[in-house]
């Protein structure tokens, strides 16, 4: 999943200690730290790009 800092907040990555970029970063689904950060409202989950949904091609 891709997480971005919530509007008006700066959030540090727990390992690198760097602030998350405004465009967000890819983090593992189900990661305890990021799941809690989402639940607390510190970060928001960014919708995946529509191109990645069609990565396998459309079978029509």
PDB file of N, CA and C in Angstrom:
ATOM      1  N   UNK A   1       0.836  -1.171   0.000  1.00  0.00           N
ATOM      2  CA  UNK A   1       0.000   0.000   0.000  1.00  0.00           C
ATOM      3  C   UNK A   1       0.879   1.232   0.000  1.00  0.00           C
ATOM      4  N   UNK A   2       0.340   2.327  -0.455  1.00  0.00           N
ATOM      5  CA  UNK A   2       1.066   3.587  -0.480  1.00  0.00           C
ATOM      6  C   UNK A   2       0.476   4.484   0.589  1.00  0.00           C
ATOM      7  N   UNK A   3       1.332   5.020   1.458  1.00  0.00           N
ATOM      8  CA  UNK A   3       0.873   5.921   2.501  1.00  0.00           C
ATOM      9  C   UNK A   3       1.494   7.296   2.311  1.00  0.00           C
ATOM     10  N   UNK A   4       0.696   8.313   2.628  1.00  0.00           N
ATOM     11  CA  UNK A   4       1.127   9.703   2.567  1.00  0.00           C
ATOM     12  C   UNK A   4       0.870  10.328   3.929  1.00  0.00           C
ATOM     13  N   UNK A   5       1.667  11.336   4.290  1.00  0.00           N
ATOM     14  CA  UNK A   5       1.362  12.036   5.536  1.00  0.00           C
ATOM     15  C   UNK A   5      -0.018  12.683   5.440  1.00  0.00           C
ATOM     16  N   UNK A   6      -0.756  12.665   6.543  1.00  0.00           N
ATOM     17  CA  UNK A   6      -2.053  13.345   6.565  1.00  0.00           C
ATOM     18  C   UNK A   6      -1.810  14.844   6.369  1.00  0.00           C
ATOM     19  N   UNK A   7      -2.789  15.558   5.821  1.00  0.00           N
ATOM     20  CA  UNK A   7      -2.603  17.000   5.581  1.00  0.00           C
ATOM     21  C   UNK A   7      -2.176  17.739   6.850  1.00  0.00           C
ATOM     22  N   UNK A   8      -1.123  18.534   6.708  1.00  0.00           N
ATOM     23  CA  UNK A   8      -0.622  19.332   7.815  1.00  0.00           C
ATOM     24  C   UNK A   8       0.322  18.615   8.763  1.00  0.00           C
ATOM     25  N   UNK A   9       0.614  17.331   8.507  1.00  0.00           N
ATOM     26  CA  UNK A   9       1.494  16.576   9.394  1.00  0.00           C
ATOM     27  C   UNK A   9       2.793  16.182   8.702  1.00  0.00           C
ATOM     28  N   UNK A  10       3.824  16.008   9.518  1.00  0.00           N
ATOM     29  CA  UNK A  10       5.087  15.421   9.061  1.00  0.00           C
ATOM     30  C   UNK A  10       5.236  14.121   9.816  1.00  0.00           C
ATOM     31  N   UNK A  11       5.506  13.048   9.095  1.00  0.00           N
ATOM     32  CA  UNK A  11       5.608  11.723   9.699  1.00  0.00           C
ATOM     33  C   UNK A  11       6.969  11.137   9.341  1.00  0.00           C
ATOM     34  N   UNK A  12       7.647  10.585  10.342  1.00  0.00           N
ATOM     35  CA  UNK A  12       8.949   9.972  10.098  1.00  0.00           C
ATOM     36  C   UNK A  12       8.789   8.480   9.833  1.00  0.00           C
ATOM     37  N   UNK A  13       9.626   7.969   8.950  1.00  0.00           N
ATOM     38  CA  UNK A  13       9.703   6.534   8.703  1.00  0.00           C
ATOM     39  C   UNK A  13      10.354   5.916   9.930  1.00  0.00           C
ATOM     40  N   UNK A  14       9.812   4.820  10.467  1.00  0.00           N
ATOM     41  CA  UNK A  14      10.333   4.273  11.717  1.00  0.00           C
ATOM     42  C   UNK A  14      11.750   3.698  11.630  1.00  0.00           C
ATOM     43  N   UNK A  15      12.199   3.349  10.439  1.00  0.00           N
ATOM     44  CA  UNK A  15      13.534   2.761  10.291  1.00  0.00           C
ATOM     45  C   UNK A  15      14.551   3.814   9.862  1.00  0.00           C
ATOM     46  N   UNK A  16      14.226   4.573   8.817  1.00  0.00           N
ATOM     47  CA  UNK A  16      15.185   5.543   8.280  1.00  0.00           C
ATOM     48  C   UNK A  16      15.196   6.858   9.045  1.00  0.00           C
ATOM     49  N   UNK A  17      14.131   7.121   9.798  1.00  0.00           N
ATOM     50  CA  UNK A  17      13.952   8.372  10.559  1.00  0.00           C
ATOM     51  C   UNK A  17      13.805   9.598   9.660  1.00  0.00           C
ATOM     52  N   UNK A  18      13.638   9.388   8.362  1.00  0.00           N
ATOM     53  CA  UNK A  18      13.427  10.485   7.423  1.00  0.00           C
ATOM     54  C   UNK A  18      11.940  10.795   7.345  1.00  0.00           C
ATOM     55  N   UNK A  19      11.600  12.063   7.068  1.00  0.00           N
ATOM     56  CA  UNK A  19      10.206  12.425   6.879  1.00  0.00           C
ATOM     57  C   UNK A  19       9.675  11.789   5.595  1.00  0.00           C
ATOM     58  N   UNK A  20       8.422  11.360   5.626  1.00  0.00           N
ATOM     59  CA  UNK A  20       7.803  10.823   4.416  1.00  0.00           C
ATOM     60  C   UNK A  20       7.655  11.937   3.396  1.00  0.00           C
ATOM     61  N   UNK A  21       7.886  11.647   2.123  1.00  0.00           N
ATOM     62  CA  UNK A  21       7.670  12.662   1.101  1.00  0.00           C
ATOM     63  C   UNK A  21       6.170  12.890   0.904  1.00  0.00           C
ATOM     64  N   UNK A  22       5.773  14.079   0.478  1.00  0.00           N
ATOM     65  CA  UNK A  22       4.345  14.372   0.275  1.00  0.00           C
ATOM     66  C   UNK A  22       3.659  13.419  -0.695  1.00  0.00           C
ATOM     67  N   UNK A  23       4.418  12.865  -1.657  1.00  0.00           N
ATOM     68  CA  UNK A  23       3.812  11.949  -2.638  1.00  0.00           C
ATOM     69  C   UNK A  23       3.613  10.549  -2.070  1.00  0.00           C
ATOM     70  N   UNK A  24       4.187  10.275  -0.897  1.00  0.00           N
ATOM     71  CA  UNK A  24       3.979   8.997  -0.229  1.00  0.00           C
ATOM     72  C   UNK A  24       5.045   7.976  -0.575  1.00  0.00           C
ATOM     73  N   UNK A  25       4.964   6.841   0.131  1.00  0.00           N
ATOM     74  CA  UNK A  25       5.893   5.736  -0.096  1.00  0.00           C
ATOM     75  C   UNK A  25       5.134   4.424  -0.063  1.00  0.00           C
ATOM     76  N   UNK A  26       5.712   3.413  -0.677  1.00  0.00           N
ATOM     77  CA  UNK A  26       5.151   2.059  -0.671  1.00  0.00           C
ATOM     78  C   UNK A  26       5.589   1.375   0.620  1.00  0.00           C
ATOM     79  N   UNK A  27       4.620   0.814   1.339  1.00  0.00           N
ATOM     80  CA  UNK A  27       4.908   0.081   2.576  1.00  0.00           C
ATOM     81  C   UNK A  27       4.207  -1.270   2.505  1.00  0.00           C
ATOM     82  N   UNK A  28       4.672  -2.251   3.280  1.00  0.00           N
ATOM     83  CA  UNK A  28       4.039  -3.579   3.236  1.00  0.00           C
ATOM     84  C   UNK A  28       2.592  -3.532   3.746  1.00  0.00           C
ATOM     85  N   UNK A  29       1.701  -4.228   3.067  1.00  0.00           N
ATOM     86  CA  UNK A  29       0.323  -4.359   3.538  1.00  0.00           C
ATOM     87  C   UNK A  29       0.336  -5.089   4.877  1.00  0.00           C
ATOM     88  N   UNK A  30      -0.471  -4.617   5.820  1.00  0.00           N
ATOM     89  CA  UNK A  30      -0.587  -5.291   7.098  1.00  0.00           C
ATOM     90  C   UNK A  30       0.531  -4.994   8.081  1.00  0.00           C
ATOM     91  N   UNK A  31       1.473  -4.129   7.722  1.00  0.00           N
ATOM     92  CA  UNK A  31       2.549  -3.769   8.641  1.00  0.00           C
ATOM     93  C   UNK A  31       1.943  -3.095   9.873  1.00  0.00           C
ATOM     94  N   UNK A  32       2.341  -3.542  11.056  1.00  0.00           N
ATOM     95  CA  UNK A  32       1.736  -3.061  12.298  1.00  0.00           C
ATOM     96  C   UNK A  32       1.913  -1.552  12.465  1.00  0.00           C
ATOM     97  N   UNK A  33       3.120  -1.046  12.226  1.00  0.00           N
ATOM     98  CA  UNK A  33       3.373   0.388  12.407  1.00  0.00           C
ATOM     99  C   UNK A  33       2.482   1.222  11.498  1.00  0.00           C
ATOM    100  N   UNK A  34       2.456   0.873  10.207  1.00  0.00           N
ATOM    101  CA  UNK A  34       1.709   1.694   9.253  1.00  0.00           C
ATOM    102  C   UNK A  34       0.202   1.537   9.416  1.00  0.00           C
ATOM    103  N   UNK A  35      -0.248   0.343   9.796  1.00  0.00           N
ATOM    104  CA  UNK A  35      -1.678   0.154  10.059  1.00  0.00           C
ATOM    105  C   UNK A  35      -2.113   1.042  11.219  1.00  0.00           C
ATOM    106  N   UNK A  36      -1.299   1.093  12.259  1.00  0.00           N
ATOM    107  CA  UNK A  36      -1.642   1.950  13.395  1.00  0.00           C
ATOM    108  C   UNK A  36      -1.588   3.421  13.008  1.00  0.00           C
ATOM    109  N   UNK A  37      -0.600   3.819  12.207  1.00  0.00           N
ATOM    110  CA  UNK A  37      -0.505   5.216  11.771  1.00  0.00           C
ATOM    111  C   UNK A  37      -1.737   5.618  10.964  1.00  0.00           C
ATOM    112  N   UNK A  38      -2.253   4.699  10.136  1.00  0.00           N
ATOM    113  CA  UNK A  38      -3.483   4.962   9.377  1.00  0.00           C
ATOM    114  C   UNK A  38      -4.655   5.099  10.342  1.00  0.00           C
ATOM    115  N   UNK A  39      -4.785   4.166  11.280  1.00  0.00           N
ATOM    116  CA  UNK A  39      -5.891   4.200  12.241  1.00  0.00           C
ATOM    117  C   UNK A  39      -5.855   5.452  13.119  1.00  0.00           C
ATOM    118  N   UNK A  40      -4.656   5.932  13.441  1.00  0.00           N
ATOM    119  CA  UNK A  40      -4.509   7.132  14.263  1.00  0.00           C
ATOM    120  C   UNK A  40      -4.715   8.415  13.468  1.00  0.00           C
ATOM    121  N   UNK A  41      -4.756   8.313  12.133  1.00  0.00           N
ATOM    122  CA  UNK A  41      -4.953   9.494  11.290  1.00  0.00           C
ATOM    123  C   UNK A  41      -3.671  10.234  10.967  1.00  0.00           C
ATOM    124  N   UNK A  42      -2.512   9.636  11.271  1.00  0.00           N
ATOM    125  CA  UNK A  42      -1.230  10.283  10.975  1.00  0.00           C
ATOM    126  C   UNK A  42      -0.877  10.198   9.493  1.00  0.00           C
ATOM    127  N   UNK A  43      -1.286   9.118   8.839  1.00  0.00           N
ATOM    128  CA  UNK A  43      -1.065   8.951   7.406  1.00  0.00           C
ATOM    129  C   UNK A  43      -2.374   8.535   6.750  1.00  0.00           C
ATOM    130  N   UNK A  44      -2.436   8.749   5.444  1.00  0.00           N
ATOM    131  CA  UNK A  44      -3.596   8.315   4.668  1.00  0.00           C
ATOM    132  C   UNK A  44      -3.123   7.343   3.603  1.00  0.00           C
ATOM    133  N   UNK A  45      -3.968   6.382   3.278  1.00  0.00           N
ATOM    134  CA  UNK A  45      -3.646   5.407   2.237  1.00  0.00           C
ATOM    135  C   UNK A  45      -4.005   6.028   0.903  1.00  0.00           C
ATOM    136  N   UNK A  46      -3.045   6.028  -0.005  1.00  0.00           N
ATOM    137  CA  UNK A  46      -3.256   6.558  -1.345  1.00  0.00           C
ATOM    138  C   UNK A  46      -3.810   5.453  -2.226  1.00  0.00           C
ATOM    139  N   UNK A  47      -4.795   5.789  -3.036  1.00  0.00           N
ATOM    140  CA  UNK A  47      -5.368   4.804  -3.950  1.00  0.00           C
ATOM    141  C   UNK A  47      -4.304   4.381  -4.955  1.00  0.00           C
ATOM    142  N   UNK A  48      -4.194   3.080  -5.241  1.00  0.00           N
ATOM    143  CA  UNK A  48      -3.206   2.643  -6.231  1.00  0.00           C
ATOM    144  C   UNK A  48      -3.541   3.188  -7.617  1.00  0.00           C
ATOM    145  N   UNK A  49      -2.537   3.364  -8.420  1.00  0.00           N
ATOM    146  CA  UNK A  49      -2.735   3.870  -9.774  1.00  0.00           C
ATOM    147  C   UNK A  49      -3.594   2.894 -10.570  1.00  0.00           C
ATOM    148  N   UNK A  50      -4.477   3.416 -11.400  1.00  0.00           N
ATOM    149  CA  UNK A  50      -5.359   2.553 -12.177  1.00  0.00           C
ATOM    150  C   UNK A  50      -4.567   1.709 -13.170  1.00  0.00           C
ATOM    151  N   UNK A  51      -3.392   2.172 -13.580  1.00  0.00           N
ATOM    152  CA  UNK A  51      -2.580   1.391 -14.519  1.00  0.00           C
ATOM    153  C   UNK A  51      -2.140   0.075 -13.874  1.00  0.00           C
ATOM    154  N   UNK A  52      -1.882   0.081 -12.573  1.00  0.00           N
ATOM    155  CA  UNK A  52      -1.432  -1.141 -11.937  1.00  0.00           C
ATOM    156  C   UNK A  52      -2.562  -2.162 -11.828  1.00  0.00           C
ATOM    157  N   UNK A  53      -3.798  -1.705 -11.812  1.00  0.00           N
ATOM    158  CA  UNK A  53      -4.939  -2.639 -11.785  1.00  0.00           C
ATOM    159  C   UNK A  53      -5.056  -3.413 -13.087  1.00  0.00           C
ATOM    160  N   UNK A  54      -4.638  -2.782 -14.169  1.00  0.00           N
ATOM    161  CA  UNK A  54      -4.735  -3.403 -15.493  1.00  0.00           C
ATOM    162  C   UNK A  54      -3.388  -3.924 -15.957  1.00  0.00           C
ATOM    163  N   UNK A  55      -2.476  -4.173 -15.049  1.00  0.00           N
ATOM    164  CA  UNK A  55      -1.125  -4.573 -15.416  1.00  0.00           C
ATOM    165  C   UNK A  55      -1.096  -5.873 -16.234  1.00  0.00           C
ATOM    166  N   UNK A  56      -2.026  -6.768 -15.989  1.00  0.00           N
ATOM    167  CA  UNK A  56      -2.036  -8.032 -16.705  1.00  0.00           C
ATOM    168  C   UNK A  56      -2.686  -7.943 -18.063  1.00  0.00           C
ATOM    169  N   UNK A  57      -3.233  -6.798 -18.382  1.00  0.00           N
ATOM    170  CA  UNK A  57      -3.927  -6.647 -19.650  1.00  0.00           C
ATOM    171  C   UNK A  57      -5.389  -7.054 -19.509  1.00  0.00           C
ATOM    172  N   UNK A  58      -6.204  -6.508 -20.359  1.00  0.00           N
ATOM    173  CA  UNK A  58      -7.640  -6.826 -20.297  1.00  0.00           C
ATOM    174  C   UNK A  58      -7.962  -7.972 -21.241  1.00  0.00           C
ATOM    175  N   UNK A  59      -8.644  -8.964 -20.720  1.00  0.00           N
ATOM    176  CA  UNK A  59      -9.104 -10.082 -21.547  1.00  0.00           C
ATOM    177  C   UNK A  59     -10.549  -9.828 -21.930  1.00  0.00           C
ATOM    178  N   UNK A  60     -10.746  -9.318 -23.137  1.00  0.00           N
ATOM    179  CA  UNK A  60     -12.119  -9.023 -23.577  1.00  0.00           C
ATOM    180  C   UNK A  60     -12.480  -9.804 -24.780  1.00  0.00           C
TER     181      UNK A  60
END
